[in-house]
Amino acid sequence: MPTGRHPRGTTLRHAALHRDPSDSLGSVGPSRAAGVYALAFYGAGDPIKLIFLRAPGDVAYDPARIEAIRQSAGLDRPFLVQFGSYVWNLLHGNFGNSLITGRSVWRMISAAAPVSFQLGVASILLTALVAIPLGVVAALNQNSRLDYLILGSALFLWAIPAYVAGPLLMVLLITLLPNADIPYGWGGLFDVRIILPLLVLAFQPIALIVRQTRAAVIEVLSEDFVRTARAKGVPERIVALRHILRPVLTPVVTQLGLIMITIVNGAIFVELVFGLPGLGRLTVSSLLNSDFPVILAITLIGSFLVMLSNLLVDVVYPLLDPRAADARTTK
């Protein structure tokens, strides 16, 4: 059974307590940024040729037309000049224009982002409301049938990726409720059609937090202050709420970055399966059409969100456990 120990022998809370805040920011230097830019624009070949080769008619093989479009897009300039121009525009909030539609990339992302944002925030809230109580219950009933049921369900959910869970739940819905409407499209956060996409997106985060919470609670239960409270006859409910829940939140919050990565990856499949007009669907459409400015912009925004979530974890640490600040000042 999982324990509350870190792989190197330290406890979960100790590992969280001594986490280096610089780790959350990553190491995104100019060379790595240039590599991402080069991979996005040239990893699959000439982007203009890729677009024209998919177009019908002889125009797809007109070298003069291809060269003219390349010049208008600025792709005939040296790589470093292109990259410097892209970074300069990026610093001014300009992601460029789509190679396919000619629309502003920022406007395309702004139109799709609210759907993904609402879905992501709702899945995080659902994860917290479901996973933390289940993890606490499993730990308080350690090695019981209820514990095995909760832990086994979490392992099962963790093993099902979003691209499998989405179609599977849709088939189950049609089989069990043949007269029900297929949950396809976006009608707002409070539309009944959002239930299945929300569940699919929250499956793996719930599984992760259930296991993390269970391990953290088992560790806290062995602490002296918990044993003292129980020896004094403090009700188990009070022990759980007052003495266990707050220390447990510290290692659980550390998983926010991993949850963000899981949600960002899962959103691509969820939005595609359920027809949601979010960033995930825009990503797939851009990949299929070789729309590299859009792909690069979404990649940068996704990376920024993961970095931001890790930074927020470092800010919340001292609020949940003041010893975190002391540990960092004595480092």
C-alpha atoms as a PDB file:
ATOM      1  CA  MET A   1       0.000   0.000   0.000  1.00  0.00           C
ATOM      2  CA  PRO A   2       1.218   3.575  -0.623  1.00  0.00           C
ATOM      3  CA  THR A   3       2.807   5.248   2.325  1.00  0.00           C
ATOM      4  CA  GLY A   4       3.500   8.844   3.167  1.00  0.00           C
ATOM      5  CA  ARG A   5       7.176   8.543   2.313  1.00  0.00           C
ATOM      6  CA  HIS A   6       9.109  10.318  -0.395  1.00  0.00           C
ATOM      7  CA  PRO A   7      11.077   7.980  -2.691  1.00  0.00           C
ATOM      8  CA  ARG A   8      14.334   9.159  -1.153  1.00  0.00           C
ATOM      9  CA  GLY A   9      13.213   8.405   2.347  1.00  0.00           C
ATOM     10  CA  THR A  10      11.929  11.821   3.354  1.00  0.00           C
ATOM     11  CA  THR A  11       8.313  12.441   4.236  1.00  0.00           C
ATOM     12  CA  LEU A  12       5.861  14.084   1.892  1.00  0.00           C
ATOM     13  CA  ARG A  13       5.609  17.185   4.045  1.00  0.00           C
ATOM     14  CA  HIS A  14       9.389  17.352   4.424  1.00  0.00           C
ATOM     15  CA  ALA A  15       9.812  17.167   0.653  1.00  0.00           C
ATOM     16  CA  ALA A  16       7.241  19.912   0.201  1.00  0.00           C
ATOM     17  CA  LEU A  17       8.806  21.999   2.944  1.00  0.00           C
ATOM     18  CA  HIS A  18      12.269  21.982   1.371  1.00  0.00           C
ATOM     19  CA  ARG A  19      11.151  22.416  -2.223  1.00  0.00           C
ATOM     20  CA  ASP A  20      13.304  24.932  -4.072  1.00  0.00           C
ATOM     21  CA  PRO A  21      11.106  27.806  -5.298  1.00  0.00           C
ATOM     22  CA  SER A  22      13.356  28.298  -8.301  1.00  0.00           C
ATOM     23  CA  ASP A  23      12.238  24.887  -9.575  1.00  0.00           C
ATOM     24  CA  SER A  24       8.780  26.272 -10.308  1.00  0.00           C
ATOM     25  CA  LEU A  25      10.060  28.813 -12.803  1.00  0.00           C
ATOM     26  CA  GLY A  26      11.952  26.324 -14.933  1.00  0.00           C
ATOM     27  CA  SER A  27      14.897  27.267 -17.071  1.00  0.00           C
ATOM     28  CA  VAL A  28      13.435  28.873 -20.172  1.00  0.00           C
ATOM     29  CA  GLY A  29      16.463  30.631 -21.611  1.00  0.00           C
ATOM     30  CA  PRO A  30      16.906  32.248 -25.020  1.00  0.00           C
ATOM     31  CA  SER A  31      18.436  29.112 -26.522  1.00  0.00           C
ATOM     32  CA  ARG A  32      15.487  26.960 -25.461  1.00  0.00           C
ATOM     33  CA  ALA A  33      12.999  29.548 -26.686  1.00  0.00           C
ATOM     34  CA  ALA A  34      14.796  29.680 -30.035  1.00  0.00           C
ATOM     35  CA  GLY A  35      14.688  25.886 -30.202  1.00  0.00           C
ATOM     36  CA  VAL A  36      10.919  25.861 -29.633  1.00  0.00           C
ATOM     37  CA  TYR A  37      10.480  28.498 -32.334  1.00  0.00           C
ATOM     38  CA  ALA A  38      12.627  26.580 -34.818  1.00  0.00           C
ATOM     39  CA  LEU A  39      10.879  23.287 -34.079  1.00  0.00           C
ATOM     40  CA  ALA A  40       7.443  24.838 -34.487  1.00  0.00           C
ATOM     41  CA  PHE A  41       8.187  26.557 -37.791  1.00  0.00           C
ATOM     42  CA  TYR A  42      10.680  24.244 -39.461  1.00  0.00           C
ATOM     43  CA  GLY A  43      10.442  20.874 -37.720  1.00  0.00           C
ATOM     44  CA  ALA A  44       7.901  19.607 -40.249  1.00  0.00           C
ATOM     45  CA  GLY A  45       9.373  21.392 -43.263  1.00  0.00           C
ATOM     46  CA  ASP A  46       8.600  24.658 -45.006  1.00  0.00           C
ATOM     47  CA  PRO A  47       5.275  25.860 -43.509  1.00  0.00           C
ATOM     48  CA  ILE A  48       4.221  27.694 -46.683  1.00  0.00           C
ATOM     49  CA  LYS A  49       4.863  24.623 -48.852  1.00  0.00           C
ATOM     50  CA  LEU A  50       2.925  22.434 -46.434  1.00  0.00           C
ATOM     51  CA  ILE A  51      -0.069  24.736 -46.696  1.00  0.00           C
ATOM     52  CA  PHE A  52       0.027  24.994 -50.483  1.00  0.00           C
ATOM     53  CA  LEU A  53       0.595  21.288 -51.039  1.00  0.00           C
ATOM     54  CA  ARG A  54      -2.777  20.687 -49.372  1.00  0.00           C
ATOM     55  CA  ALA A  55      -4.549  23.200 -51.575  1.00  0.00           C
ATOM     56  CA  PRO A  56      -6.436  21.942 -54.651  1.00  0.00           C
ATOM     57  CA  GLY A  57      -5.315  22.730 -58.185  1.00  0.00           C
ATOM     58  CA  ASP A  58      -2.004  23.582 -59.839  1.00  0.00           C
ATOM     59  CA  VAL A  59      -1.482  26.585 -57.550  1.00  0.00           C
ATOM     60  CA  ALA A  60      -0.112  24.148 -54.960  1.00  0.00           C
ATOM     61  CA  TYR A  61       2.916  23.592 -57.182  1.00  0.00           C
ATOM     62  CA  ASP A  62       3.559  27.192 -58.250  1.00  0.00           C
ATOM     63  CA  PRO A  63       7.060  28.025 -56.893  1.00  0.00           C
ATOM     64  CA  ALA A  64       6.652  31.733 -57.655  1.00  0.00           C
ATOM     65  CA  ARG A  65       3.435  31.939 -55.660  1.00  0.00           C
ATOM     66  CA  ILE A  66       4.998  30.039 -52.776  1.00  0.00           C
ATOM     67  CA  GLU A  67       8.012  32.363 -52.721  1.00  0.00           C
ATOM     68  CA  ALA A  68       5.766  35.441 -52.780  1.00  0.00           C
ATOM     69  CA  ILE A  69       3.764  34.188 -49.803  1.00  0.00           C
ATOM     70  CA  ARG A  70       6.976  33.298 -47.966  1.00  0.00           C
ATOM     71  CA  GLN A  71       8.282  36.833 -48.448  1.00  0.00           C
ATOM     72  CA  SER A  72       5.022  38.411 -47.297  1.00  0.00           C
ATOM     73  CA  ALA A  73       5.146  36.250 -44.150  1.00  0.00           C
ATOM     74  CA  GLY A  74       8.780  37.207 -43.507  1.00  0.00           C
ATOM     75  CA  LEU A  75      10.008  33.619 -43.767  1.00  0.00           C
ATOM     76  CA  ASP A  76      12.660  34.507 -46.340  1.00  0.00           C
ATOM     77  CA  ARG A  77      14.741  36.331 -43.721  1.00  0.00           C
ATOM     78  CA  PRO A  78      17.566  34.686 -41.693  1.00  0.00           C
ATOM     79  CA  PHE A  79      16.404  32.575 -38.777  1.00  0.00           C
ATOM     80  CA  LEU A  80      17.855  34.830 -36.058  1.00  0.00           C
ATOM     81  CA  VAL A  81      16.187  37.859 -37.620  1.00  0.00           C
ATOM     82  CA  GLN A  82      12.855  36.026 -37.689  1.00  0.00           C
ATOM     83  CA  PHE A  83      13.248  34.896 -34.096  1.00  0.00           C
ATOM     84  CA  GLY A  84      14.256  38.364 -32.887  1.00  0.00           C
ATOM     85  CA  SER A  85      11.284  39.898 -34.663  1.00  0.00           C
ATOM     86  CA  TYR A  86       8.955  37.303 -33.151  1.00  0.00           C
ATOM     87  CA  VAL A  87      10.257  37.938 -29.616  1.00  0.00           C
ATOM     88  CA  TRP A  88       9.988  41.704 -30.096  1.00  0.00           C
ATOM     89  CA  ASN A  89       6.382  41.400 -31.247  1.00  0.00           C
ATOM     90  CA  LEU A  90       5.687  38.963 -28.415  1.00  0.00           C
ATOM     91  CA  LEU A  91       6.898  41.483 -25.835  1.00  0.00           C
ATOM     92  CA  HIS A  92       4.382  43.932 -27.284  1.00  0.00           C
ATOM     93  CA  GLY A  93       1.540  41.420 -27.071  1.00  0.00           C
ATOM     94  CA  ASN A  94       1.557  40.596 -30.772  1.00  0.00           C
ATOM     95  CA  PHE A  95       1.430  36.870 -31.575  1.00  0.00           C
ATOM     96  CA  GLY A  96       1.238  37.497 -35.299  1.00  0.00           C
ATOM     97  CA  ASN A  97      -1.444  36.395 -37.746  1.00  0.00           C
ATOM     98  CA  SER A  98      -2.727  32.982 -38.728  1.00  0.00           C
ATOM     99  CA  LEU A  99      -1.160  31.543 -41.877  1.00  0.00           C
ATOM    100  CA  ILE A 100      -4.538  30.040 -42.820  1.00  0.00           C
ATOM    101  CA  THR A 101      -7.168  32.676 -42.021  1.00  0.00           C
ATOM    102  CA  GLY A 102      -5.016  35.792 -41.725  1.00  0.00           C
ATOM    103  CA  ARG A 103      -6.781  36.650 -38.461  1.00  0.00           C
ATOM    104  CA  SER A 104      -4.917  37.878 -35.412  1.00  0.00           C
ATOM    105  CA  VAL A 105      -3.663  34.906 -33.389  1.00  0.00           C
ATOM    106  CA  TRP A 106      -4.433  36.747 -30.161  1.00  0.00           C
ATOM    107  CA  ARG A 107      -8.071  37.258 -31.189  1.00  0.00           C
ATOM    108  CA  MET A 108      -8.412  33.587 -32.108  1.00  0.00           C
ATOM    109  CA  ILE A 109      -7.009  32.550 -28.717  1.00  0.00           C
ATOM    110  CA  SER A 110      -9.125  35.140 -26.877  1.00  0.00           C
ATOM    111  CA  ALA A 111     -12.259  33.702 -28.462  1.00  0.00           C
ATOM    112  CA  ALA A 112     -11.405  30.126 -27.455  1.00  0.00           C
ATOM    113  CA  ALA A 113      -9.756  30.713 -24.063  1.00  0.00           C
ATOM    114  CA  PRO A 114     -12.924  31.402 -21.983  1.00  0.00           C
ATOM    115  CA  VAL A 115     -14.278  27.926 -22.723  1.00  0.00           C
ATOM    116  CA  SER A 116     -11.047  26.192 -21.706  1.00  0.00           C
ATOM    117  CA  PHE A 117     -10.622  28.470 -18.672  1.00  0.00           C
ATOM    118  CA  GLN A 118     -14.113  27.782 -17.323  1.00  0.00           C
ATOM    119  CA  LEU A 119     -13.741  24.062 -17.933  1.00  0.00           C
ATOM    120  CA  GLY A 120     -10.307  23.970 -16.269  1.00  0.00           C
ATOM    121  CA  VAL A 121     -11.346  25.939 -13.175  1.00  0.00           C
ATOM    122  CA  ALA A 122     -14.490  23.845 -12.772  1.00  0.00           C
ATOM    123  CA  SER A 123     -12.479  20.617 -13.015  1.00  0.00           C
ATOM    124  CA  ILE A 124     -10.018  21.852 -10.353  1.00  0.00           C
ATOM    125  CA  LEU A 125     -12.893  22.743  -8.004  1.00  0.00           C
ATOM    126  CA  LEU A 126     -14.544  19.375  -8.640  1.00  0.00           C
ATOM    127  CA  THR A 127     -11.231  17.644  -7.958  1.00  0.00           C
ATOM    128  CA  ALA A 128     -10.812  19.430  -4.618  1.00  0.00           C
ATOM    129  CA  LEU A 129     -14.405  18.836  -3.502  1.00  0.00           C
ATOM    130  CA  VAL A 130     -14.322  15.122  -4.343  1.00  0.00           C
ATOM    131  CA  ALA A 131     -10.725  13.968  -3.943  1.00  0.00           C
ATOM    132  CA  ILE A 132      -9.701  15.533  -0.619  1.00  0.00           C
ATOM    133  CA  PRO A 133     -12.675  14.148   1.391  1.00  0.00           C
ATOM    134  CA  LEU A 134     -12.280  10.720  -0.224  1.00  0.00           C
ATOM    135  CA  GLY A 135      -8.563  10.688   0.562  1.00  0.00           C
ATOM    136  CA  VAL A 136      -9.215  11.612   4.199  1.00  0.00           C
ATOM    137  CA  VAL A 137     -11.921   8.943   4.537  1.00  0.00           C
ATOM    138  CA  ALA A 138      -9.647   6.310   2.998  1.00  0.00           C
ATOM    139  CA  ALA A 139      -6.809   7.172   5.396  1.00  0.00           C
ATOM    140  CA  LEU A 140      -9.054   7.206   8.480  1.00  0.00           C
ATOM    141  CA  ASN A 141     -10.258   3.730   7.477  1.00  0.00           C
ATOM    142  CA  GLN A 142      -6.838   2.426   6.453  1.00  0.00           C
ATOM    143  CA  ASN A 143      -6.695  -1.211   5.283  1.00  0.00           C
ATOM    144  CA  SER A 144     -10.482  -1.541   5.428  1.00  0.00           C
ATOM    145  CA  ARG A 145     -12.772  -2.512   2.564  1.00  0.00           C
ATOM    146  CA  LEU A 146     -13.752   1.128   2.161  1.00  0.00           C
ATOM    147  CA  ASP A 147     -10.085   2.095   1.883  1.00  0.00           C
ATOM    148  CA  TYR A 148      -9.456  -0.578  -0.747  1.00  0.00           C
ATOM    149  CA  LEU A 149     -12.563   0.504  -2.675  1.00  0.00           C
ATOM    150  CA  ILE A 150     -11.547   4.175  -2.752  1.00  0.00           C
ATOM    151  CA  LEU A 151      -7.904   3.445  -3.570  1.00  0.00           C
ATOM    152  CA  GLY A 152      -8.820   0.883  -6.231  1.00  0.00           C
ATOM    153  CA  SER A 153     -11.246   3.321  -7.855  1.00  0.00           C
ATOM    154  CA  ALA A 154      -8.550   6.001  -7.867  1.00  0.00           C
ATOM    155  CA  LEU A 155      -6.074   3.657  -9.533  1.00  0.00           C
ATOM    156  CA  PHE A 156      -8.704   2.728 -12.113  1.00  0.00           C
ATOM    157  CA  LEU A 157      -9.445   6.381 -12.931  1.00  0.00           C
ATOM    158  CA  TRP A 158      -5.742   7.168 -13.183  1.00  0.00           C
ATOM    159  CA  ALA A 159      -5.295   4.390 -15.746  1.00  0.00           C
ATOM    160  CA  ILE A 160      -7.988   5.777 -18.082  1.00  0.00           C
ATOM    161  CA  PRO A 161      -6.747   8.613 -20.326  1.00  0.00           C
ATOM    162  CA  ALA A 162      -9.136  11.320 -21.467  1.00  0.00           C
ATOM    163  CA  TYR A 163      -9.193  10.117 -25.081  1.00  0.00           C
ATOM    164  CA  VAL A 164     -10.541   6.763 -23.842  1.00  0.00           C
ATOM    165  CA  ALA A 165     -12.833   8.014 -21.070  1.00  0.00           C
ATOM    166  CA  GLY A 166     -14.621  10.535 -23.309  1.00  0.00           C
ATOM    167  CA  PRO A 167     -15.901   8.172 -26.016  1.00  0.00           C
ATOM    168  CA  LEU A 168     -16.523   5.452 -23.409  1.00  0.00           C
ATOM    169  CA  LEU A 169     -18.799   7.662 -21.296  1.00  0.00           C
ATOM    170  CA  MET A 170     -20.604   8.862 -24.403  1.00  0.00           C
ATOM    171  CA  VAL A 171     -21.278   5.270 -25.492  1.00  0.00           C
ATOM    172  CA  LEU A 172     -22.471   4.384 -21.977  1.00  0.00           C
ATOM    173  CA  LEU A 173     -24.822   7.377 -21.958  1.00  0.00           C
ATOM    174  CA  ILE A 174     -26.334   6.422 -25.304  1.00  0.00           C
ATOM    175  CA  THR A 175     -26.661   2.781 -24.197  1.00  0.00           C
ATOM    176  CA  LEU A 176     -28.222   3.474 -20.796  1.00  0.00           C
ATOM    177  CA  LEU A 177     -30.293   6.498 -21.853  1.00  0.00           C
ATOM    178  CA  PRO A 178     -31.095   6.075 -25.558  1.00  0.00           C
ATOM    179  CA  ASN A 179     -33.487   9.053 -25.521  1.00  0.00           C
ATOM    180  CA  ALA A 180     -30.963  11.431 -23.973  1.00  0.00           C
ATOM    181  CA  ASP A 181     -29.361  14.181 -26.008  1.00  0.00           C
ATOM    182  CA  ILE A 182     -25.744  13.650 -26.999  1.00  0.00           C
ATOM    183  CA  PRO A 183     -23.619  16.090 -24.941  1.00  0.00           C
ATOM    184  CA  TYR A 184     -22.017  17.903 -27.861  1.00  0.00           C
ATOM    185  CA  GLY A 185     -21.246  21.606 -28.113  1.00  0.00           C
ATOM    186  CA  TRP A 186     -20.905  24.447 -25.638  1.00  0.00           C
ATOM    187  CA  GLY A 187     -23.871  26.049 -23.908  1.00  0.00           C
ATOM    188  CA  GLY A 188     -22.140  27.640 -20.949  1.00  0.00           C
ATOM    189  CA  LEU A 189     -20.710  26.424 -17.663  1.00  0.00           C
ATOM    190  CA  PHE A 190     -24.145  25.680 -16.178  1.00  0.00           C
ATOM    191  CA  ASP A 191     -25.421  23.767 -19.180  1.00  0.00           C
ATOM    192  CA  VAL A 192     -26.168  20.092 -18.513  1.00  0.00           C
ATOM    193  CA  ARG A 193     -23.959  19.166 -21.482  1.00  0.00           C
ATOM    194  CA  ILE A 194     -20.880  20.179 -19.493  1.00  0.00           C
ATOM    195  CA  ILE A 195     -21.260  17.314 -16.992  1.00  0.00           C
ATOM    196  CA  LEU A 196     -19.593  14.586 -19.054  1.00  0.00           C
ATOM    197  CA  PRO A 197     -16.670  16.728 -20.289  1.00  0.00           C
ATOM    198  CA  LEU A 198     -16.104  17.923 -16.731  1.00  0.00           C
ATOM    199  CA  LEU A 199     -16.050  14.379 -15.369  1.00  0.00           C
ATOM    200  CA  VAL A 200     -13.660  13.170 -18.054  1.00  0.00           C
ATOM    201  CA  LEU A 201     -11.289  16.069 -17.442  1.00  0.00           C
ATOM    202  CA  ALA A 202     -11.368  15.557 -13.657  1.00  0.00           C
ATOM    203  CA  PHE A 203     -10.880  11.764 -13.604  1.00  0.00           C
ATOM    204  CA  GLN A 204      -7.079  11.695 -13.465  1.00  0.00           C
ATOM    205  CA  PRO A 205      -6.679  14.758 -11.177  1.00  0.00           C
ATOM    206  CA  ILE A 206      -9.160  13.200  -8.735  1.00  0.00           C
ATOM    207  CA  ALA A 207      -7.203   9.938  -8.759  1.00  0.00           C
ATOM    208  CA  LEU A 208      -3.938  11.798  -8.135  1.00  0.00           C
ATOM    209  CA  ILE A 209      -5.243  13.903  -5.232  1.00  0.00           C
ATOM    210  CA  VAL A 210      -7.052  10.971  -3.590  1.00  0.00           C
ATOM    211  CA  ARG A 211      -3.799   9.021  -3.394  1.00  0.00           C
ATOM    212  CA  GLN A 212      -1.787  12.067  -2.344  1.00  0.00           C
ATOM    213  CA  THR A 213      -4.284  13.019   0.379  1.00  0.00           C
ATOM    214  CA  ARG A 214      -4.487   9.473   1.684  1.00  0.00           C
ATOM    215  CA  ALA A 215      -0.711   9.192   1.975  1.00  0.00           C
ATOM    216  CA  ALA A 216      -0.441  12.598   3.661  1.00  0.00           C
ATOM    217  CA  VAL A 217      -3.203  11.833   6.191  1.00  0.00           C
ATOM    218  CA  ILE A 218      -1.627   8.487   7.097  1.00  0.00           C
ATOM    219  CA  GLU A 219       1.610  10.346   7.781  1.00  0.00           C
ATOM    220  CA  VAL A 220      -0.088  13.007   9.921  1.00  0.00           C
ATOM    221  CA  LEU A 221      -1.994  10.382  11.927  1.00  0.00           C
ATOM    222  CA  SER A 222       1.319   9.144  13.317  1.00  0.00           C
ATOM    223  CA  GLU A 223       2.241  12.585  14.683  1.00  0.00           C
ATOM    224  CA  ASP A 224       2.275  13.165  18.443  1.00  0.00           C
ATOM    225  CA  PHE A 225      -0.277  15.989  18.413  1.00  0.00           C
ATOM    226  CA  VAL A 226      -2.879  13.745  16.762  1.00  0.00           C
ATOM    227  CA  ARG A 227      -2.308  10.925  19.241  1.00  0.00           C
ATOM    228  CA  THR A 228      -2.549  13.438  22.108  1.00  0.00           C
ATOM    229  CA  ALA A 229      -5.848  14.810  20.806  1.00  0.00           C
ATOM    230  CA  ARG A 230      -7.290  11.316  20.530  1.00  0.00           C
ATOM    231  CA  ALA A 231      -6.031  10.411  24.004  1.00  0.00           C
ATOM    232  CA  LYS A 232      -7.891  13.429  25.386  1.00  0.00           C
ATOM    233  CA  GLY A 233     -11.113  12.106  23.886  1.00  0.00           C
ATOM    234  CA  VAL A 234     -11.460  14.702  21.143  1.00  0.00           C
ATOM    235  CA  PRO A 235     -14.121  13.510  18.658  1.00  0.00           C
ATOM    236  CA  GLU A 236     -12.721  12.014  15.463  1.00  0.00           C
ATOM    237  CA  ARG A 237     -14.513  14.610  13.343  1.00  0.00           C
ATOM    238  CA  ILE A 238     -12.820  17.452  15.235  1.00  0.00           C
ATOM    239  CA  VAL A 239      -9.455  15.706  14.992  1.00  0.00           C
ATOM    240  CA  ALA A 240      -9.860  15.402  11.232  1.00  0.00           C
ATOM    241  CA  LEU A 241     -10.971  19.001  10.679  1.00  0.00           C
ATOM    242  CA  ARG A 242      -8.715  20.801  13.148  1.00  0.00           C
ATOM    243  CA  HIS A 243      -5.558  18.713  13.414  1.00  0.00           C
ATOM    244  CA  ILE A 244      -5.326  16.776  10.141  1.00  0.00           C
ATOM    245  CA  LEU A 245      -6.814  18.761   7.267  1.00  0.00           C
ATOM    246  CA  ARG A 246      -4.530  21.807   7.347  1.00  0.00           C
ATOM    247  CA  PRO A 247      -1.194  19.904   7.524  1.00  0.00           C
ATOM    248  CA  VAL A 248      -2.441  17.655   4.730  1.00  0.00           C
ATOM    249  CA  LEU A 249      -3.125  20.578   2.384  1.00  0.00           C
ATOM    250  CA  THR A 250       0.588  21.415   2.060  1.00  0.00           C
ATOM    251  CA  PRO A 251       1.675  18.302   0.103  1.00  0.00           C
ATOM    252  CA  VAL A 252      -1.639  18.247  -1.762  1.00  0.00           C
ATOM    253  CA  VAL A 253      -1.196  21.817  -3.009  1.00  0.00           C
ATOM    254  CA  THR A 254       2.217  20.861  -4.396  1.00  0.00           C
ATOM    255  CA  GLN A 255       0.439  18.778  -7.028  1.00  0.00           C
ATOM    256  CA  LEU A 256      -1.240  21.834  -8.561  1.00  0.00           C
ATOM    257  CA  GLY A 257       1.396  22.062 -11.292  1.00  0.00           C
ATOM    258  CA  LEU A 258       0.965  18.408 -12.254  1.00  0.00           C
ATOM    259  CA  ILE A 259      -2.811  18.853 -12.219  1.00  0.00           C
ATOM    260  CA  MET A 260      -2.474  21.806 -14.587  1.00  0.00           C
ATOM    261  CA  ILE A 261      -0.410  19.709 -17.000  1.00  0.00           C
ATOM    262  CA  THR A 262      -2.978  16.896 -16.829  1.00  0.00           C
ATOM    263  CA  ILE A 263      -5.858  19.295 -17.467  1.00  0.00           C
ATOM    264  CA  VAL A 264      -4.099  21.059 -20.350  1.00  0.00           C
ATOM    265  CA  ASN A 265      -3.327  17.724 -22.023  1.00  0.00           C
ATOM    266  CA  GLY A 266      -6.778  16.295 -21.324  1.00  0.00           C
ATOM    267  CA  ALA A 267      -8.557  19.400 -22.614  1.00  0.00           C
ATOM    268  CA  ILE A 268      -7.305  18.687 -26.134  1.00  0.00           C
ATOM    269  CA  PHE A 269      -9.133  15.350 -26.294  1.00  0.00           C
ATOM    270  CA  VAL A 270     -12.154  16.429 -24.239  1.00  0.00           C
ATOM    271  CA  GLU A 271     -12.875  19.474 -26.385  1.00  0.00           C
ATOM    272  CA  LEU A 272     -12.402  17.451 -29.555  1.00  0.00           C
ATOM    273  CA  VAL A 273     -14.695  14.604 -28.461  1.00  0.00           C
ATOM    274  CA  PHE A 274     -17.460  16.833 -27.083  1.00  0.00           C
ATOM    275  CA  GLY A 275     -17.226  19.599 -29.671  1.00  0.00           C
ATOM    276  CA  LEU A 276     -16.194  22.364 -27.267  1.00  0.00           C
ATOM    277  CA  PRO A 277     -14.800  25.483 -29.006  1.00  0.00           C
ATOM    278  CA  GLY A 278     -11.815  25.884 -26.675  1.00  0.00           C
ATOM    279  CA  LEU A 279      -8.048  26.021 -26.943  1.00  0.00           C
ATOM    280  CA  GLY A 280      -7.773  22.243 -27.224  1.00  0.00           C
ATOM    281  CA  ARG A 281      -9.914  22.131 -30.331  1.00  0.00           C
ATOM    282  CA  LEU A 282      -8.093  25.159 -31.742  1.00  0.00           C
ATOM    283  CA  THR A 283      -4.796  23.345 -31.168  1.00  0.00           C
ATOM    284  CA  VAL A 284      -5.905  20.273 -33.099  1.00  0.00           C
ATOM    285  CA  SER A 285      -7.279  22.387 -35.944  1.00  0.00           C
ATOM    286  CA  SER A 286      -4.026  24.358 -36.132  1.00  0.00           C
ATOM    287  CA  LEU A 287      -1.942  21.185 -36.150  1.00  0.00           C
ATOM    288  CA  LEU A 288      -3.988  19.672 -38.961  1.00  0.00           C
ATOM    289  CA  ASN A 289      -3.669  22.875 -41.009  1.00  0.00           C
ATOM    290  CA  SER A 290       0.011  23.509 -40.146  1.00  0.00           C
ATOM    291  CA  ASP A 291      -0.929  26.910 -38.721  1.00  0.00           C
ATOM    292  CA  PHE A 292       2.379  27.360 -36.888  1.00  0.00           C
ATOM    293  CA  PRO A 293       1.860  30.854 -35.385  1.00  0.00           C
ATOM    294  CA  VAL A 294      -1.249  29.593 -33.582  1.00  0.00           C
ATOM    295  CA  ILE A 295       0.509  26.401 -32.450  1.00  0.00           C
ATOM    296  CA  LEU A 296       3.458  28.353 -31.077  1.00  0.00           C
ATOM    297  CA  ALA A 297       1.241  30.868 -29.268  1.00  0.00           C
ATOM    298  CA  ILE A 298      -0.826  28.141 -27.600  1.00  0.00           C
ATOM    299  CA  THR A 299       2.358  26.301 -26.585  1.00  0.00           C
ATOM    300  CA  LEU A 300       3.787  29.432 -24.969  1.00  0.00           C
ATOM    301  CA  ILE A 301       0.540  30.214 -23.148  1.00  0.00           C
ATOM    302  CA  GLY A 302       0.233  26.639 -21.872  1.00  0.00           C
ATOM    303  CA  SER A 303       3.821  26.710 -20.611  1.00  0.00           C
ATOM    304  CA  PHE A 304       3.185  30.035 -18.896  1.00  0.00           C
ATOM    305  CA  LEU A 305       0.100  28.663 -17.122  1.00  0.00           C
ATOM    306  CA  VAL A 306       2.043  25.680 -15.771  1.00  0.00           C
ATOM    307  CA  MET A 307       4.851  27.961 -14.580  1.00  0.00           C
ATOM    308  CA  LEU A 308       2.321  30.321 -12.992  1.00  0.00           C
ATOM    309  CA  SER A 309       0.606  27.485 -11.139  1.00  0.00           C
ATOM    310  CA  ASN A 310       3.948  26.308  -9.747  1.00  0.00           C
ATOM    311  CA  LEU A 311       4.767  29.860  -8.671  1.00  0.00           C
ATOM    312  CA  LEU A 312       1.409  30.117  -6.886  1.00  0.00           C
ATOM    313  CA  VAL A 313       2.247  26.898  -5.045  1.00  0.00           C
ATOM    314  CA  ASP A 314       5.440  28.497  -3.730  1.00  0.00           C
ATOM    315  CA  VAL A 315       3.480  31.561  -2.597  1.00  0.00           C
ATOM    316  CA  VAL A 316       0.827  29.485  -0.807  1.00  0.00           C
ATOM    317  CA  TYR A 317       3.401  27.293   1.021  1.00  0.00           C
ATOM    318  CA  PRO A 318       4.131  29.707   3.880  1.00  0.00           C
ATOM    319  CA  LEU A 319       0.426  30.428   4.361  1.00  0.00           C
ATOM    320  CA  LEU A 320      -0.361  26.765   4.946  1.00  0.00           C
ATOM    321  CA  ASP A 321       2.784  25.970   6.924  1.00  0.00           C
ATOM    322  CA  PRO A 322       4.912  28.830   8.354  1.00  0.00           C
ATOM    323  CA  ARG A 323       7.789  26.373   8.715  1.00  0.00           C
ATOM    324  CA  ALA A 324       8.192  26.510   4.942  1.00  0.00           C
ATOM    325  CA  ALA A 325       9.346  30.131   5.132  1.00  0.00           C
ATOM    326  CA  ASP A 326      11.737  29.303   7.984  1.00  0.00           C
ATOM    327  CA  ALA A 327      13.191  26.380   6.042  1.00  0.00           C
ATOM    328  CA  ARG A 328      13.896  28.597   3.030  1.00  0.00           C
ATOM    329  CA  THR A 329      15.478  31.407   5.043  1.00  0.00           C
ATOM    330  CA  THR A 330      17.866  28.973   6.744  1.00  0.00           C
ATOM    331  CA  LYS A 331      18.846  27.359   3.418  1.00  0.00           C
END
